[in-house]
Structure formats: structure tokens, C-alpha cells
Protein backbone atom coordinates (compact mmCIF):
# COMPACT_ATOMS: atom_id res chain seq x y z
CA MET A 1 -5.18 -18.42 -6.60
CA ALA A 2 -8.24 -19.06 -4.69
CA LEU A 3 -9.79 -16.25 -2.60
CA GLY A 4 -11.11 -16.41 0.73
CA TRP A 5 -14.43 -15.11 1.97
CA TYR A 6 -15.86 -13.40 4.60
CA GLU A 7 -18.33 -14.50 7.40
CA LEU A 8 -21.28 -12.34 8.66
CA LYS A 9 -22.32 -13.69 11.94
CA LEU A 10 -24.20 -12.94 15.10
CA ALA A 11 -22.38 -12.35 18.13
CA SER A 12 -23.65 -14.13 21.64
CA ASP A 13 -25.23 -10.17 22.56
CA GLY A 14 -27.01 -10.15 19.24
CA GLN A 15 -24.88 -7.78 17.47
CA PHE A 16 -23.40 -8.34 13.81
CA MET A 17 -19.56 -8.84 13.25
CA PHE A 18 -17.74 -10.91 10.78
CA ASN A 19 -14.74 -12.66 9.84
CA LEU A 20 -12.36 -12.52 6.62
CA LYS A 21 -11.09 -16.18 6.24
CA ALA A 22 -8.50 -17.03 3.77
CA ALA A 23 -9.01 -19.93 1.60
CA ASN A 24 -7.44 -22.27 3.76
CA SER A 25 -10.41 -21.51 6.34
CA GLN A 26 -8.26 -19.56 8.63
CA VAL A 27 -9.88 -16.40 10.07
CA ILE A 28 -7.40 -13.89 8.78
CA LEU A 29 -9.33 -10.71 10.16
CA THR A 30 -11.96 -10.20 13.07
CA SER A 31 -13.90 -7.17 12.83
CA GLU A 32 -15.44 -5.20 15.84
CA LEU A 33 -19.29 -5.80 17.05
CA TYR A 34 -22.01 -3.93 14.93
CA LYS A 35 -25.38 -3.28 16.20
CA THR A 36 -27.06 -3.48 12.24
CA ARG A 37 -26.39 -5.77 9.81
CA ALA A 38 -25.99 -2.38 7.25
CA ALA A 39 -23.04 -1.31 9.71
CA ALA A 40 -21.57 -5.05 9.49
CA GLU A 41 -21.87 -4.68 5.77
CA ASN A 42 -20.08 -1.40 5.61
CA GLY A 43 -17.17 -2.83 7.38
CA ILE A 44 -16.97 -5.73 4.91
CA ALA A 45 -16.81 -2.93 2.61
CA SER A 46 -14.52 -1.09 3.89
CA VAL A 47 -12.40 -4.09 4.09
CA GLN A 48 -12.22 -4.74 0.52
CA LYS A 49 -11.39 -0.95 -0.19
CA ASN A 50 -8.90 -1.00 2.41
CA GLY A 51 -7.10 -4.12 2.81
CA GLU A 52 -5.39 -4.11 0.11
CA ASP A 53 -3.20 -0.86 1.20
CA GLU A 54 -0.41 -2.11 3.24
CA SER A 55 0.27 1.45 4.79
CA LEU A 56 -3.13 1.29 6.85
CA PHE A 57 -2.02 -1.98 8.81
CA GLU A 58 -0.38 -1.20 12.31
CA TYR A 59 1.59 -3.82 13.97
CA ARG A 60 0.72 -4.18 17.81
CA VAL A 61 2.35 -6.35 20.52
CA ALA A 62 -0.49 -7.63 23.05
CA LYS A 63 0.31 -7.53 26.86
CA ASN A 64 1.30 -11.09 26.35
CA ASP A 65 4.04 -10.10 24.24
CA LYS A 66 2.47 -11.79 21.19
CA PRO A 67 2.32 -9.78 17.67
CA TYR A 68 -0.69 -9.01 16.17
CA PHE A 69 -2.05 -6.10 13.83
CA VAL A 70 -5.06 -3.89 12.98
CA LEU A 71 -6.35 -2.43 9.65
CA LYS A 72 -7.17 0.86 9.84
CA ALA A 73 -9.50 2.82 7.31
CA LYS A 74 -7.61 6.02 5.80
CA ASN A 75 -9.74 8.03 8.46
CA HIS A 76 -7.94 5.83 11.03
CA GLN A 77 -10.69 4.21 12.25
CA GLU A 78 -10.22 0.53 13.14
CA ILE A 79 -11.85 -2.01 10.70
CA GLY A 80 -10.57 -5.25 12.35
CA ARG A 81 -7.82 -6.98 14.06
CA SER A 82 -5.86 -10.36 13.82
CA GLN A 83 -5.47 -13.16 15.99
CA TYR A 84 -2.06 -13.21 18.13
CA TYR A 85 1.16 -14.66 16.30
CA SER A 86 4.16 -16.20 17.89
CA SER A 87 6.38 -13.94 16.08
CA GLN A 88 6.63 -10.47 14.34
CA GLU A 89 7.53 -12.25 10.95
CA SER A 90 3.94 -14.65 11.32
CA ALA A 91 2.30 -10.95 11.75
CA LYS A 92 3.90 -9.67 8.53
CA ASN A 93 2.59 -13.06 6.44
CA GLY A 94 -1.13 -12.34 8.13
CA VAL A 95 -0.97 -8.83 6.63
CA LYS A 96 -0.37 -10.46 3.23
CA SER A 97 -3.04 -12.90 3.70
CA VAL A 98 -5.28 -10.10 4.14
CA MET A 99 -4.14 -7.92 1.16
CA ASN A 100 -4.42 -10.97 -0.95
CA ASN A 101 -8.01 -12.02 0.14
CA ALA A 102 -9.71 -8.51 1.09
CA ALA A 103 -11.06 -7.81 -2.47
CA THR A 104 -13.17 -10.96 -2.25
CA THR A 105 -16.75 -10.39 -2.93
CA THR A 106 -17.90 -13.66 -1.50
CA VAL A 107 -19.63 -13.34 1.90
CA LYS A 108 -21.19 -16.46 3.67
CA ASP A 109 -24.47 -15.20 5.69
CA LEU A 110 -24.48 -17.25 8.85
CA THR A 111 -26.74 -15.02 10.61
CA LYS A 112 -29.97 -17.21 9.71
CA ALA A 113 -28.40 -20.03 10.37
């Protein structure tokens, strides 16, 4: 099975962030903003380390009643969050996708583009 990849990017304010994308190019997890490239790279390493552990995912419901999830490290710090989903079942499938793709070592650096 083909794995997805991480995209390391610059946000509009110059901070770093990353997305984990599935093999179909869909974003399945988005990071917080980081002040340095090294911190964003550490975030990617944290997803690689923690993203296969289902117990570290937390399901939530947004103000618009759409389900989503967050991935937390073992220290309970949020590593990344999903998009909003149309159903809880779709959110569960999103978690499975993150778990299947988290270990990828492919990082596409878009900060130099």
C-alpha cells in the first residue's frame, strides 16, 4: 500500500507548519504553527512516533456540530488536528488514515518554492 507524505510549508505570517497527506493527496492532519523549521520537523517526528497509537487520538465536535479529531503526544500536547467531517464514522476513517500514513518518512519541503 502506498503511503502518504508530509508537506512542510510556510504560513502566511512566515511561521512553519505541515500537513500529512494520504496517498490520494488529501490532507488528513494539519499541524499547529511553529516559529522555526526545527520545531516543525520535531512535530513531524512526533506524528511519526505517536500517530500509530489509536489511544492518542481525541474525538471532538466543533461549534458547527461537525466532528473532527486531534492527535496528542503522550505528554497530552496537541500535535495536529483534522478537517471537519460530515459524520463521526468519517472522522474514525480519518483516524485510520492517519494511523496508516503517520510512519512515512517522505517530507516534501515547500518552504523553498
